[in-house]
N, C-alpha and C. Protein backbone atom coordinates (compact mmCIF):
# COMPACT_ATOMS: atom_id res chain seq x y z
N MET A 1 79.88 -35.48 12.10
CA MET A 1 79.87 -36.98 12.04
C MET A 1 80.14 -37.31 10.61
N GLU A 2 81.11 -38.34 10.53
CA GLU A 2 81.38 -38.81 9.19
C GLU A 2 80.55 -40.01 9.11
N VAL A 3 79.92 -40.23 7.95
CA VAL A 3 79.01 -41.29 7.80
C VAL A 3 79.74 -42.39 6.93
N ASN A 4 79.67 -43.69 7.25
CA ASN A 4 80.24 -44.81 6.59
C ASN A 4 79.31 -45.27 5.55
N ASP A 5 79.68 -46.34 4.75
CA ASP A 5 78.97 -46.90 3.70
C ASP A 5 77.66 -47.45 4.11
N LEU A 6 77.56 -48.11 5.34
CA LEU A 6 76.43 -48.63 5.80
C LEU A 6 75.39 -47.46 6.21
N GLY A 7 75.86 -46.47 6.71
CA GLY A 7 75.15 -45.21 7.07
C GLY A 7 74.57 -44.60 5.86
N ARG A 8 75.43 -44.45 4.72
CA ARG A 8 74.85 -43.91 3.47
C ARG A 8 73.70 -44.70 2.96
N LEU A 9 73.75 -46.04 3.00
CA LEU A 9 72.71 -46.94 2.53
C LEU A 9 71.47 -46.87 3.49
N ALA A 10 71.62 -46.74 4.80
CA ALA A 10 70.59 -46.67 5.65
C ALA A 10 69.87 -45.27 5.67
N LEU A 11 70.65 -44.28 5.48
CA LEU A 11 70.15 -42.86 5.73
C LEU A 11 69.75 -42.32 4.32
N GLY A 12 70.12 -43.04 3.24
CA GLY A 12 69.92 -42.45 1.84
C GLY A 12 68.52 -41.99 1.60
N GLY A 13 67.44 -42.66 1.98
CA GLY A 13 66.13 -42.27 1.80
C GLY A 13 65.60 -41.04 2.56
N GLN A 14 66.29 -40.88 3.82
CA GLN A 14 66.08 -39.79 4.59
C GLN A 14 66.89 -38.58 4.34
N MET A 15 68.21 -38.72 4.09
CA MET A 15 69.00 -37.68 4.02
C MET A 15 69.80 -37.50 2.65
N GLY A 16 69.60 -38.39 1.73
CA GLY A 16 70.24 -38.37 0.50
C GLY A 16 71.26 -39.46 0.34
N PRO A 17 71.49 -40.06 -0.75
CA PRO A 17 72.40 -41.23 -0.97
C PRO A 17 73.90 -40.86 -0.87
N GLU A 18 74.24 -39.66 -1.11
CA GLU A 18 75.65 -39.27 -1.28
C GLU A 18 76.20 -38.50 -0.01
N ILE A 19 75.55 -38.87 1.17
CA ILE A 19 75.96 -38.10 2.29
C ILE A 19 77.27 -38.54 2.83
N GLN A 20 78.15 -37.60 3.13
CA GLN A 20 79.45 -37.93 3.61
C GLN A 20 79.64 -37.51 5.12
N GLN A 21 79.04 -36.38 5.37
CA GLN A 21 79.27 -35.84 6.81
C GLN A 21 77.96 -35.19 7.14
N ILE A 22 77.63 -35.20 8.51
CA ILE A 22 76.41 -34.45 9.03
C ILE A 22 76.99 -33.55 10.12
N GLU A 23 76.61 -32.30 9.97
CA GLU A 23 77.04 -31.25 10.87
C GLU A 23 75.78 -30.71 11.57
N GLY A 24 75.96 -30.62 12.88
CA GLY A 24 74.78 -30.08 13.62
C GLY A 24 75.12 -30.09 15.09
N ARG A 25 74.04 -29.97 15.82
CA ARG A 25 74.10 -29.90 17.24
C ARG A 25 73.63 -31.15 17.96
N LEU A 26 74.40 -31.85 18.72
CA LEU A 26 74.16 -33.02 19.41
C LEU A 26 73.07 -32.78 20.43
N LEU A 27 71.95 -33.40 20.38
CA LEU A 27 70.76 -33.07 21.31
C LEU A 27 70.89 -34.24 22.32
N SER A 28 71.16 -35.49 22.02
CA SER A 28 71.29 -36.63 22.99
C SER A 28 72.09 -37.73 22.41
N LYS A 29 72.58 -38.45 23.20
CA LYS A 29 73.33 -39.74 22.66
C LYS A 29 73.06 -40.81 23.68
N SER A 30 73.08 -42.06 23.16
CA SER A 30 72.86 -43.19 24.05
C SER A 30 73.92 -44.23 23.39
N PRO A 31 74.06 -45.33 24.00
CA PRO A 31 75.08 -46.36 23.51
C PRO A 31 74.67 -46.91 22.05
N GLU A 32 73.48 -46.68 21.77
CA GLU A 32 72.93 -47.09 20.30
C GLU A 32 72.98 -46.07 19.31
N GLN A 33 72.68 -44.85 19.58
CA GLN A 33 72.49 -43.80 18.66
C GLN A 33 72.74 -42.44 19.16
N TYR A 34 72.68 -41.49 18.31
CA TYR A 34 72.80 -40.00 18.47
C TYR A 34 71.45 -39.35 17.92
N GLU A 35 71.04 -38.35 18.55
CA GLU A 35 69.95 -37.53 17.97
C GLU A 35 70.63 -36.08 17.83
N VAL A 36 70.43 -35.68 16.54
CA VAL A 36 71.19 -34.51 16.07
C VAL A 36 70.20 -33.47 15.54
N SER A 37 70.38 -32.22 15.82
CA SER A 37 69.78 -31.15 15.03
C SER A 37 70.67 -30.81 13.94
N VAL A 38 70.21 -31.01 12.71
CA VAL A 38 71.05 -31.14 11.59
C VAL A 38 71.24 -29.70 11.07
N LYS A 39 72.34 -29.15 10.83
CA LYS A 39 72.71 -27.84 10.27
C LYS A 39 73.05 -27.88 8.89
N SER A 40 73.78 -28.79 8.41
CA SER A 40 74.17 -29.09 7.07
C SER A 40 74.61 -30.57 6.82
N VAL A 41 74.54 -30.88 5.69
CA VAL A 41 75.02 -32.19 5.10
C VAL A 41 76.03 -32.01 3.97
N LYS A 42 77.27 -32.53 4.24
CA LYS A 42 78.31 -32.50 3.25
C LYS A 42 78.06 -33.80 2.35
N LEU A 43 78.18 -33.51 0.94
CA LEU A 43 78.03 -34.59 0.05
C LEU A 43 79.46 -35.15 -0.45
N ILE A 44 79.43 -36.48 -0.92
CA ILE A 44 80.79 -37.12 -1.34
C ILE A 44 81.36 -36.37 -2.53
N ARG A 45 80.50 -35.92 -3.44
CA ARG A 45 80.91 -35.35 -4.69
C ARG A 45 81.10 -33.83 -4.57
N GLY A 46 81.23 -33.33 -3.21
CA GLY A 46 81.28 -31.91 -3.08
C GLY A 46 79.94 -31.27 -2.93
N GLY A 47 79.88 -30.03 -2.34
CA GLY A 47 78.68 -29.36 -2.09
C GLY A 47 78.12 -29.63 -0.73
N ASN A 48 77.34 -28.79 -0.34
CA ASN A 48 76.57 -28.83 0.95
C ASN A 48 75.13 -28.67 0.84
N GLN A 49 74.36 -29.28 1.65
CA GLN A 49 72.94 -29.05 1.71
C GLN A 49 72.78 -28.33 3.10
N ILE A 50 72.05 -27.28 2.99
CA ILE A 50 71.77 -26.63 4.35
C ILE A 50 70.42 -27.10 4.87
N TRP A 51 70.44 -27.43 6.13
CA TRP A 51 69.27 -27.93 6.85
C TRP A 51 68.76 -26.79 7.79
N ASN A 52 67.58 -26.88 8.40
CA ASN A 52 67.11 -25.93 9.32
C ASN A 52 66.90 -26.52 10.72
N GLY A 53 67.74 -27.26 11.17
CA GLY A 53 67.73 -27.91 12.52
C GLY A 53 66.87 -29.15 12.64
N GLU A 54 66.49 -29.74 11.61
CA GLU A 54 65.55 -30.96 11.70
C GLU A 54 66.38 -31.92 12.49
N ARG A 55 65.60 -32.58 13.37
CA ARG A 55 65.95 -33.70 14.24
C ARG A 55 66.07 -35.03 13.37
N VAL A 56 67.31 -35.58 13.50
CA VAL A 56 67.55 -36.84 12.88
C VAL A 56 68.20 -37.87 13.86
N THR A 57 67.85 -39.04 13.92
CA THR A 57 68.31 -40.00 14.84
C THR A 57 69.28 -40.88 13.94
N VAL A 58 70.53 -41.04 14.34
CA VAL A 58 71.54 -41.71 13.51
C VAL A 58 72.02 -42.78 14.43
N LYS A 59 72.15 -44.05 14.08
CA LYS A 59 72.62 -45.07 14.77
C LYS A 59 74.19 -45.03 14.78
N ARG A 60 74.81 -45.26 15.94
CA ARG A 60 76.25 -45.24 16.00
C ARG A 60 76.99 -46.18 14.96
N GLU A 61 76.41 -47.28 14.62
CA GLU A 61 77.00 -48.11 13.62
C GLU A 61 77.01 -47.47 12.17
N TYR A 62 76.38 -46.36 12.12
CA TYR A 62 76.41 -45.60 10.64
C TYR A 62 77.58 -44.65 10.66
N ILE A 63 78.25 -44.24 11.75
CA ILE A 63 79.20 -43.33 11.93
C ILE A 63 80.54 -43.86 11.98
N SER A 64 81.46 -43.39 11.11
CA SER A 64 82.80 -43.82 11.25
C SER A 64 83.71 -42.98 12.21
N GLN A 65 83.38 -41.70 12.29
CA GLN A 65 84.14 -40.78 13.06
C GLN A 65 83.26 -39.69 13.56
N THR A 66 83.53 -39.01 14.81
CA THR A 66 82.75 -37.88 15.13
C THR A 66 83.82 -36.79 15.43
N PHE A 67 83.32 -35.52 15.29
CA PHE A 67 84.12 -34.21 15.51
C PHE A 67 83.39 -33.49 16.40
N GLU A 68 84.13 -32.60 17.20
CA GLU A 68 83.52 -31.58 18.13
C GLU A 68 84.19 -30.32 18.00
N ARG A 69 83.39 -29.38 17.84
CA ARG A 69 83.95 -27.83 17.83
C ARG A 69 83.86 -27.36 19.17
N GLN A 70 84.93 -26.64 19.54
CA GLN A 70 84.90 -25.92 20.75
C GLN A 70 85.49 -24.54 20.59
N PHE A 71 85.04 -23.54 21.42
CA PHE A 71 85.69 -22.24 21.38
C PHE A 71 87.11 -22.23 21.95
N SER A 72 87.95 -21.44 21.46
CA SER A 72 89.36 -21.33 21.85
C SER A 72 89.31 -20.11 22.94
N LYS A 73 89.58 -20.44 24.19
CA LYS A 73 89.56 -19.42 25.19
C LYS A 73 90.51 -18.38 24.85
N SER A 74 91.80 -18.71 24.46
CA SER A 74 92.88 -17.69 24.20
C SER A 74 92.47 -16.77 23.01
N GLN A 75 91.91 -17.32 21.90
CA GLN A 75 91.38 -16.51 20.81
C GLN A 75 90.24 -15.63 21.14
N THR A 76 89.40 -16.11 22.06
CA THR A 76 88.21 -15.37 22.49
C THR A 76 88.72 -14.11 23.41
N ILE A 77 89.69 -14.43 24.19
CA ILE A 77 90.24 -13.30 25.15
C ILE A 77 90.94 -12.33 24.29
N ALA A 78 91.69 -12.81 23.17
CA ALA A 78 92.43 -11.80 22.29
C ALA A 78 91.54 -10.89 21.62
N LEU A 79 90.49 -11.56 21.04
CA LEU A 79 89.50 -10.75 20.22
C LEU A 79 88.73 -9.76 21.14
N SER A 80 88.48 -10.23 22.29
CA SER A 80 87.83 -9.18 23.15
C SER A 80 88.76 -8.10 23.63
N ALA A 81 90.09 -8.31 23.79
CA ALA A 81 90.99 -7.28 24.19
C ALA A 81 91.05 -6.33 22.87
N VAL A 82 91.15 -6.86 21.79
CA VAL A 82 91.19 -6.01 20.51
C VAL A 82 90.04 -5.04 20.39
N PHE A 83 88.87 -5.64 20.65
CA PHE A 83 87.55 -4.91 20.54
C PHE A 83 87.50 -3.81 21.61
N VAL A 84 87.96 -4.10 22.84
CA VAL A 84 87.80 -3.08 23.88
C VAL A 84 88.82 -2.03 23.47
N ALA A 85 90.02 -2.25 23.16
CA ALA A 85 91.05 -1.24 22.76
C ALA A 85 90.67 -0.44 21.64
N SER A 86 89.95 -1.01 20.59
CA SER A 86 89.45 -0.18 19.48
C SER A 86 88.36 0.76 19.95
N VAL A 87 87.51 0.33 20.73
CA VAL A 87 86.41 1.15 21.33
C VAL A 87 86.98 2.35 22.03
N TYR A 88 88.06 2.00 22.97
CA TYR A 88 88.58 3.08 23.62
C TYR A 88 89.23 4.06 22.76
N VAL A 89 89.94 3.68 21.75
CA VAL A 89 90.54 4.69 20.78
C VAL A 89 89.58 5.47 20.08
N VAL A 90 88.40 4.82 19.63
CA VAL A 90 87.41 5.64 19.02
C VAL A 90 86.89 6.75 19.92
N VAL A 91 86.41 6.22 21.12
CA VAL A 91 85.89 7.23 22.01
C VAL A 91 86.73 8.38 22.42
N SER A 92 87.96 7.90 22.66
CA SER A 92 88.97 9.12 23.02
C SER A 92 89.31 10.03 21.88
N LYS A 93 89.43 9.57 20.59
CA LYS A 93 89.63 10.30 19.57
C LYS A 93 88.50 11.31 19.09
N LEU A 94 87.34 10.79 19.40
CA LEU A 94 86.12 11.60 18.98
C LEU A 94 85.70 12.51 20.16
N GLY A 95 86.24 12.33 21.39
CA GLY A 95 85.90 13.10 22.49
C GLY A 95 84.49 12.78 23.08
N LEU A 96 84.22 11.52 23.06
CA LEU A 96 82.80 11.10 23.52
C LEU A 96 82.74 10.88 24.87
N VAL A 97 83.91 11.13 25.72
CA VAL A 97 83.84 10.59 27.09
C VAL A 97 83.04 11.70 27.97
N GLY A 98 83.09 12.84 27.52
CA GLY A 98 82.07 13.74 28.29
C GLY A 98 82.76 14.71 29.46
N PHE A 99 84.08 14.61 29.51
CA PHE A 99 84.83 15.37 30.56
C PHE A 99 84.88 16.79 30.08
N GLY A 100 84.80 17.12 28.76
CA GLY A 100 84.98 18.50 28.23
C GLY A 100 86.29 19.09 28.72
N LYS A 101 86.45 20.36 28.18
CA LYS A 101 87.62 21.26 28.44
C LYS A 101 87.22 22.56 28.92
N GLU A 102 87.86 23.16 29.73
CA GLU A 102 87.77 24.49 30.15
C GLU A 102 88.24 25.39 29.08
N GLY A 103 87.49 26.31 28.85
CA GLY A 103 87.97 27.30 27.85
C GLY A 103 87.53 28.65 27.96
N ASP A 104 87.50 29.42 26.87
CA ASP A 104 87.11 30.83 26.85
C ASP A 104 85.59 30.80 26.85
N THR A 105 84.99 31.67 27.85
CA THR A 105 83.68 31.75 28.06
C THR A 105 82.91 32.89 27.18
N THR A 106 83.78 33.70 26.52
CA THR A 106 83.31 34.68 25.73
C THR A 106 82.65 34.17 24.46
N ALA A 107 81.58 34.89 24.00
CA ALA A 107 80.87 34.51 22.69
C ALA A 107 81.77 34.73 21.47
N PRO A 108 81.69 33.70 20.45
CA PRO A 108 82.57 33.91 19.27
C PRO A 108 82.06 35.24 18.55
N PRO A 109 82.84 35.85 17.80
CA PRO A 109 82.61 37.03 17.09
C PRO A 109 81.21 37.04 16.22
N ASN A 110 80.86 35.95 15.57
CA ASN A 110 79.64 35.92 14.88
C ASN A 110 78.44 35.38 15.53
N SER A 111 78.43 35.22 16.70
CA SER A 111 77.37 34.57 17.50
C SER A 111 76.24 35.67 17.70
N VAL A 112 75.12 35.19 18.07
CA VAL A 112 74.01 36.08 18.49
C VAL A 112 74.41 36.95 19.69
N GLU A 113 75.05 36.48 20.56
CA GLU A 113 75.52 37.22 21.74
C GLU A 113 76.41 38.31 21.50
N ALA A 114 77.17 38.19 20.31
CA ALA A 114 78.09 39.24 19.97
C ALA A 114 77.29 40.53 19.49
N PHE A 115 76.01 40.29 18.95
CA PHE A 115 75.34 41.31 18.28
C PHE A 115 74.31 41.97 19.20
N ARG A 116 74.14 41.44 20.38
CA ARG A 116 73.16 42.02 21.32
C ARG A 116 73.74 43.28 21.98
N PRO A 117 72.84 44.30 22.18
CA PRO A 117 73.36 45.53 22.97
C PRO A 117 73.75 45.11 24.24
N ARG A 118 74.66 45.87 24.62
CA ARG A 118 75.33 45.64 26.01
C ARG A 118 74.73 46.69 26.94
N ARG A 119 74.40 46.21 28.06
CA ARG A 119 73.87 47.10 29.10
C ARG A 119 74.98 47.71 29.92
N PRO A 120 74.75 49.03 30.23
CA PRO A 120 75.80 49.74 31.13
C PRO A 120 75.90 49.13 32.56
């Protein structure tokens, strides 16, 4: 939410006099006000104040503009595909699949089996 001059004046005692934007999770809204769990506050002269989800009620007349963040479905799908492909490459290169290979069943020359006496 972008705070206007009236909002800076009204919210100054509660959130600071140089507040420019409020970032957080919208908990509820009515025709008169928003209830927000505040994550951070951006200041006019730069800088951010980190909050811990404190609930703040803000009248709509204090806000000049609102913004909404949403996940991008296409970017999420692309990132998931890259992750799955990279896991597949690592598993196949390291031989972690568990299918094993058929090979020679005789003991290597320096193994314990090679030094045991053989029975006739």
